[in-house]
Amino acid sequence: MAGFQIFADAACDIPEATLKEWGVAMVDMTYRFTDENDERFNSKTDIPDFYNQMRAGRCSRTSAINMATFLDAFRPTLEAGRDLLYVAFSSGGSTTYEQSLAAVKLLKKEFPERTILSVDSLAFSGGLGLLVYLTAKKQQEGASIEETFRYVEETRLHVCHWFTVDDLVYLKRGGRISTTTALVGAMLGIKPVLHVDDEGHLVSMSKARSRRRSLKALADKFADTAIDAANGPVFICHGDAAEDAALLRDMVREISGKDVELLSFIGPVIGSHSGPGTMALFFLGTQR
């Protein structure tokens, strides 16, 4: 057993079973549909059903992980005598990282002999998942907790996130585009191409006039900026759009000659804001 435990959160869009294979523990996150009071757990969600409910018109809202949840999640590891490194959901998209720092401050007083670190990934969805994957590999190579922490800080701005959405209404609800832009875009079949900037915010970069062109734009970004297209890890996440995910995977394969390492759903934590049909490509690049 490694000397320290890596934690991630559900915003990484990696199945919990896969995280366990990497030796990573998960802090779950919650959401709720606005027409009900009960919170639902990301990890216990039937994701295709979640997107079908969104397609039927239901709206979903998410919450940051609070300090108490972190205390409950982290304390057993520390009580077992292990150090802890948490790779957090981007501070540019949530207050989760801030809440984790508050929990770490308290736990350091309770467990002064333990090393307890939280690092802002400036990433989310499969970008966070890719960074967690690389963090776990670094640990497996024998890096100390301090060396692994520094590795995350040095690597995070090379984790590229390229997104496109199928329906602009969800970006409108989140305040990322205006009502007029959403209406005109829907009429003209415009699909935005977005990425995550160096501050960890999702920002619009360009527009494509069809779904296929928007997918090609993602693949083109990979071709233009990937550090090692033939060997570097590539993840694809999607909002219940398996056929388009397969098409994007084929585009990546044509460029790199290799298959993607992981293809998975975008869960409710991210999908509540991006909507059904979202497609996202993640890889290591020369710049974000």
Protein backbone atom coordinates (compact mmCIF):
# COMPACT_ATOMS: atom_id res chain seq x y z
CA MET A 1 0.00 0.00 0.00
CA ALA A 2 1.33 3.41 -0.98
CA GLY A 3 2.27 5.77 1.82
CA PHE A 4 -0.38 8.31 0.90
CA GLN A 5 -3.93 8.21 -0.42
CA ILE A 6 -5.00 10.22 -3.47
CA PHE A 7 -8.54 11.58 -3.45
CA ALA A 8 -10.57 12.98 -6.34
CA ASP A 9 -14.17 14.15 -6.54
CA ALA A 10 -17.11 13.21 -8.74
CA ALA A 11 -16.52 16.17 -11.07
CA CYS A 12 -13.74 14.12 -12.70
CA ASP A 13 -16.32 12.02 -14.61
CA ILE A 14 -14.36 8.81 -14.06
CA PRO A 15 -16.36 5.77 -12.88
CA GLU A 16 -15.69 5.01 -9.23
CA ALA A 17 -14.62 1.46 -10.09
CA THR A 18 -11.98 2.83 -12.46
CA LEU A 19 -10.69 5.23 -9.81
CA LYS A 20 -10.33 2.31 -7.42
CA GLU A 21 -8.25 0.47 -10.02
CA TRP A 22 -5.95 3.52 -10.06
CA GLY A 23 -5.77 3.48 -6.25
CA VAL A 24 -7.78 6.71 -5.97
CA ALA A 25 -10.63 7.34 -3.52
CA MET A 26 -13.61 9.49 -4.52
CA VAL A 27 -15.55 12.17 -2.67
CA ASP A 28 -19.06 12.03 -4.11
CA MET A 29 -21.07 15.09 -5.15
CA THR A 30 -24.79 15.80 -5.26
CA TYR A 31 -27.37 17.44 -7.49
CA ARG A 32 -31.13 17.84 -7.48
CA PHE A 33 -33.85 18.47 -9.99
CA THR A 34 -35.43 21.86 -9.33
CA ASP A 35 -38.93 20.36 -9.05
CA GLU A 36 -37.96 18.18 -6.06
CA ASN A 37 -36.23 18.70 -2.72
CA ASP A 38 -34.17 15.53 -2.42
CA GLU A 39 -30.46 15.61 -3.22
CA ARG A 40 -29.17 12.81 -5.47
CA PHE A 41 -25.67 11.37 -5.53
CA ASN A 42 -23.67 11.59 -8.72
CA SER A 43 -22.25 8.07 -8.29
CA LYS A 44 -25.67 6.46 -7.85
CA THR A 45 -27.24 7.98 -10.97
CA ASP A 46 -28.43 6.15 -14.07
CA ILE A 47 -26.79 8.64 -16.41
CA PRO A 48 -28.80 7.95 -19.62
CA ASP A 49 -31.98 8.35 -17.54
CA PHE A 50 -30.64 11.62 -16.12
CA TYR A 51 -30.14 13.03 -19.62
CA ASN A 52 -33.52 11.77 -20.78
CA GLN A 53 -35.10 13.72 -17.93
CA MET A 54 -33.19 16.80 -19.01
CA ARG A 55 -34.39 16.29 -22.58
CA ALA A 56 -37.95 16.13 -21.19
CA GLY A 57 -37.47 19.60 -19.72
CA ARG A 58 -36.32 19.02 -16.15
CA CYS A 59 -33.64 21.36 -14.79
CA SER A 60 -30.86 20.22 -12.48
CA ARG A 61 -28.81 22.19 -9.97
CA THR A 62 -25.54 21.18 -8.33
CA SER A 63 -23.79 21.95 -5.04
CA ALA A 64 -20.16 22.28 -4.03
CA ILE A 65 -18.78 19.74 -1.57
CA ASN A 66 -18.96 21.27 1.90
CA MET A 67 -16.35 21.15 4.62
CA ALA A 68 -18.23 18.58 6.72
CA THR A 69 -18.32 16.15 3.80
CA PHE A 70 -14.57 16.49 3.35
CA LEU A 71 -13.98 15.89 7.06
CA ASP A 72 -16.04 12.70 6.94
CA ALA A 73 -14.30 11.51 3.76
CA PHE A 74 -10.71 12.28 4.80
CA ARG A 75 -10.69 11.38 8.49
CA PRO A 76 -10.68 7.53 8.14
CA THR A 77 -7.55 7.67 5.94
CA LEU A 78 -5.77 9.86 8.48
CA GLU A 79 -6.90 7.68 11.37
CA ALA A 80 -5.37 4.72 9.52
CA GLY A 81 -2.00 6.50 9.63
CA ARG A 82 -1.79 7.51 5.97
CA ASP A 83 -1.05 10.89 4.41
CA LEU A 84 -3.52 12.41 1.94
CA LEU A 85 -3.47 14.32 -1.35
CA TYR A 86 -6.73 15.68 -2.77
CA VAL A 87 -6.85 16.79 -6.42
CA ALA A 88 -9.73 19.25 -6.42
CA PHE A 89 -12.40 20.36 -8.89
CA SER A 90 -11.32 23.66 -10.49
CA SER A 91 -11.66 26.75 -8.31
CA GLY A 92 -12.81 28.45 -11.51
CA GLY A 93 -15.99 26.38 -11.54
CA SER A 94 -16.83 25.70 -7.91
CA THR A 95 -16.11 26.61 -4.29
CA THR A 96 -15.24 22.95 -3.65
CA TYR A 97 -11.48 23.62 -3.49
CA GLU A 98 -12.02 26.46 -1.00
CA GLN A 99 -14.11 24.15 1.20
CA SER A 100 -11.40 21.48 1.04
CA LEU A 101 -8.81 23.96 2.31
CA ALA A 102 -11.01 24.73 5.31
CA ALA A 103 -11.27 21.00 6.04
CA VAL A 104 -7.50 20.50 5.65
CA LYS A 105 -6.81 23.34 8.09
CA LEU A 106 -8.92 21.65 10.78
CA LEU A 107 -7.56 18.18 10.09
CA LYS A 108 -3.95 19.36 10.35
CA LYS A 109 -4.70 20.41 13.94
CA GLU A 110 -6.32 17.05 14.65
CA PHE A 111 -3.58 15.02 12.91
CA PRO A 112 -0.39 17.13 13.20
CA GLU A 113 1.79 14.13 12.33
CA ARG A 114 0.12 13.61 8.95
CA THR A 115 0.78 15.38 5.63
CA ILE A 116 -2.55 16.62 4.24
CA LEU A 117 -2.54 18.47 0.92
CA SER A 118 -5.21 19.84 -1.41
CA VAL A 119 -4.28 21.06 -4.88
CA ASP A 120 -6.45 23.08 -7.25
CA SER A 121 -6.58 21.14 -10.53
CA LEU A 122 -7.92 24.11 -12.55
CA ALA A 123 -9.69 21.29 -14.41
CA PHE A 124 -12.97 19.47 -14.54
CA SER A 125 -14.77 16.57 -16.18
CA GLY A 126 -12.36 14.29 -18.05
CA GLY A 127 -9.64 16.95 -17.79
CA LEU A 128 -9.69 16.50 -14.04
CA GLY A 129 -9.94 12.75 -14.63
CA LEU A 130 -6.87 12.82 -16.87
CA LEU A 131 -4.91 14.79 -14.29
CA VAL A 132 -5.93 12.32 -11.56
CA TYR A 133 -4.84 9.44 -13.81
CA LEU A 134 -1.41 11.04 -14.30
CA THR A 135 -1.18 11.79 -10.57
CA ALA A 136 -1.83 8.13 -9.73
CA LYS A 137 0.85 7.06 -12.23
CA LYS A 138 3.32 9.46 -10.60
CA GLN A 139 2.56 7.93 -7.22
CA GLN A 140 2.99 4.41 -8.63
CA GLU A 141 6.41 5.42 -9.95
CA GLY A 142 7.46 6.04 -6.36
CA ALA A 143 7.08 9.81 -6.04
CA SER A 144 6.58 11.23 -2.54
CA ILE A 145 3.42 13.12 -1.66
CA GLU A 146 5.28 16.44 -1.95
CA GLU A 147 6.75 15.48 -5.34
CA THR A 148 3.32 14.38 -6.55
CA PHE A 149 1.75 17.65 -5.37
CA ARG A 150 4.36 19.64 -7.32
CA TYR A 151 3.80 17.42 -10.37
CA VAL A 152 0.09 18.32 -10.36
CA GLU A 153 0.93 22.02 -10.18
CA GLU A 154 3.45 21.70 -13.02
CA THR A 155 1.18 19.60 -15.26
CA ARG A 156 -2.29 21.09 -14.81
CA LEU A 157 -1.92 23.89 -17.36
CA HIS A 158 -0.98 21.35 -20.03
CA VAL A 159 -4.25 19.44 -19.59
CA CYS A 160 -6.37 20.55 -22.56
CA HIS A 161 -10.17 20.57 -22.38
CA TRP A 162 -12.08 21.03 -25.64
CA PHE A 163 -15.89 20.93 -25.55
CA THR A 164 -18.86 21.35 -27.83
CA VAL A 165 -22.52 21.31 -26.82
CA ASP A 166 -25.56 20.18 -28.75
CA ASP A 167 -28.13 22.59 -27.30
CA LEU A 168 -27.27 26.20 -26.42
CA VAL A 169 -30.13 26.48 -23.89
CA TYR A 170 -27.97 25.03 -21.11
CA LEU A 171 -25.20 27.57 -21.64
CA LYS A 172 -27.87 30.28 -21.63
CA ARG A 173 -29.21 29.06 -18.29
CA GLY A 174 -25.71 29.20 -16.86
CA GLY A 175 -25.25 32.78 -18.06
CA ARG A 176 -22.43 31.92 -20.50
CA ILE A 177 -24.34 33.20 -23.54
CA SER A 178 -27.25 35.59 -24.01
CA THR A 179 -30.82 34.61 -24.84
CA THR A 180 -30.45 36.24 -28.27
CA THR A 181 -27.25 34.32 -29.01
CA ALA A 182 -28.93 31.06 -27.98
CA LEU A 183 -31.97 31.69 -30.19
CA VAL A 184 -29.95 32.74 -33.24
CA GLY A 185 -27.53 29.88 -32.74
CA ALA A 186 -30.35 27.36 -32.56
CA MET A 187 -31.92 28.74 -35.76
CA LEU A 188 -28.62 28.58 -37.67
CA GLY A 189 -27.45 25.26 -36.26
CA ILE A 190 -24.40 26.87 -34.66
CA LYS A 191 -22.38 24.71 -32.28
CA PRO A 192 -19.93 26.52 -30.01
CA VAL A 193 -16.42 25.22 -29.41
CA LEU A 194 -15.28 25.88 -25.86
CA HIS A 195 -12.22 25.22 -23.73
CA VAL A 196 -11.02 25.63 -20.14
CA ASP A 197 -8.61 28.54 -19.72
CA ASP A 198 -5.61 28.87 -17.40
CA GLU A 199 -7.82 30.11 -14.57
CA GLY A 200 -10.02 27.02 -14.80
CA HIS A 201 -13.03 28.74 -16.41
CA LEU A 202 -15.04 27.37 -19.33
CA VAL A 203 -14.89 29.92 -22.16
CA SER A 204 -16.15 30.05 -25.73
CA MET A 205 -13.46 29.99 -28.41
CA SER A 206 -15.16 29.61 -31.80
CA LYS A 207 -18.31 28.45 -33.59
CA ALA A 208 -19.03 25.65 -36.05
CA ARG A 209 -22.00 25.46 -38.41
CA SER A 210 -22.77 21.78 -37.86
CA ARG A 211 -22.32 19.03 -35.31
CA ARG A 212 -19.77 17.17 -37.40
CA ARG A 213 -17.73 20.33 -37.93
CA SER A 214 -17.73 21.01 -34.20
CA LEU A 215 -16.38 17.52 -33.54
CA LYS A 216 -13.72 18.03 -36.19
CA ALA A 217 -12.76 21.30 -34.50
CA LEU A 218 -12.03 19.35 -31.31
CA ALA A 219 -9.93 16.82 -33.23
CA ASP A 220 -8.09 19.64 -35.01
CA LYS A 221 -7.13 21.18 -31.66
CA PHE A 222 -5.68 17.82 -30.68
CA ALA A 223 -3.70 17.64 -33.94
CA ASP A 224 -2.40 21.19 -33.51
CA THR A 225 -1.42 21.22 -29.83
CA ALA A 226 -0.95 17.66 -28.48
CA ILE A 227 2.49 17.20 -26.94
CA ASP A 228 2.71 13.57 -28.08
CA ALA A 229 -0.26 12.65 -30.27
CA ALA A 230 1.00 9.14 -30.94
CA ASN A 231 1.65 8.16 -27.33
CA GLY A 232 0.07 10.66 -24.93
CA PRO A 233 -3.14 9.81 -23.05
CA VAL A 234 -6.46 10.92 -24.55
CA PHE A 235 -9.85 10.84 -22.79
CA ILE A 236 -13.30 11.46 -24.30
CA CYS A 237 -16.40 12.21 -22.21
CA HIS A 238 -19.93 12.69 -23.52
CA GLY A 239 -23.41 13.66 -22.40
CA ASP A 240 -25.21 10.49 -23.57
CA ALA A 241 -24.00 10.79 -27.17
CA ALA A 242 -22.28 7.46 -27.78
CA GLU A 243 -22.39 7.61 -31.59
CA ASP A 244 -20.76 11.04 -31.72
CA ALA A 245 -18.21 9.93 -29.14
CA ALA A 246 -17.30 7.02 -31.39
CA LEU A 247 -16.99 9.42 -34.35
CA LEU A 248 -14.67 11.70 -32.37
CA ARG A 249 -12.66 8.67 -31.26
CA ASP A 250 -12.22 7.69 -34.91
CA MET A 251 -11.06 11.22 -35.78
CA VAL A 252 -8.46 11.05 -32.99
CA ARG A 253 -7.36 7.59 -34.14
CA GLU A 254 -6.87 8.88 -37.69
CA ILE A 255 -4.62 11.67 -36.39
CA SER A 256 -2.63 9.68 -33.84
CA GLY A 257 -2.80 6.07 -34.98
CA LYS A 258 -3.92 5.04 -31.49
CA ASP A 259 -7.12 4.56 -29.56
CA VAL A 260 -8.25 6.76 -26.68
CA GLU A 261 -7.40 5.53 -23.18
CA LEU A 262 -10.83 6.21 -21.72
CA LEU A 263 -14.32 6.96 -23.02
CA SER A 264 -16.98 7.72 -20.42
CA PHE A 265 -20.13 9.69 -19.59
CA ILE A 266 -20.20 13.25 -18.38
CA GLY A 267 -21.99 12.87 -15.05
CA PRO A 268 -24.72 15.05 -13.53
CA VAL A 269 -22.28 17.42 -11.76
CA ILE A 270 -20.99 18.73 -15.10
CA GLY A 271 -23.89 17.62 -17.29
CA SER A 272 -26.37 19.77 -15.35
CA HIS A 273 -24.62 22.81 -16.86
CA SER A 274 -23.63 21.50 -20.30
CA GLY A 275 -26.68 19.39 -21.17
CA PRO A 276 -27.35 16.27 -23.24
CA GLY A 277 -25.15 15.75 -26.27
CA THR A 278 -22.09 17.52 -24.88
CA MET A 279 -18.83 16.18 -26.29
CA ALA A 280 -15.42 16.74 -24.72
CA LEU A 281 -11.86 15.81 -25.63
CA PHE A 282 -8.96 15.85 -23.14
CA PHE A 283 -5.24 15.46 -23.74
CA LEU A 284 -1.85 16.91 -22.83
CA GLY A 285 -0.96 19.89 -25.00
CA THR A 286 1.67 22.56 -25.40
CA GLN A 287 -0.90 25.07 -24.16
CA ARG A 288 -4.49 24.98 -23.05
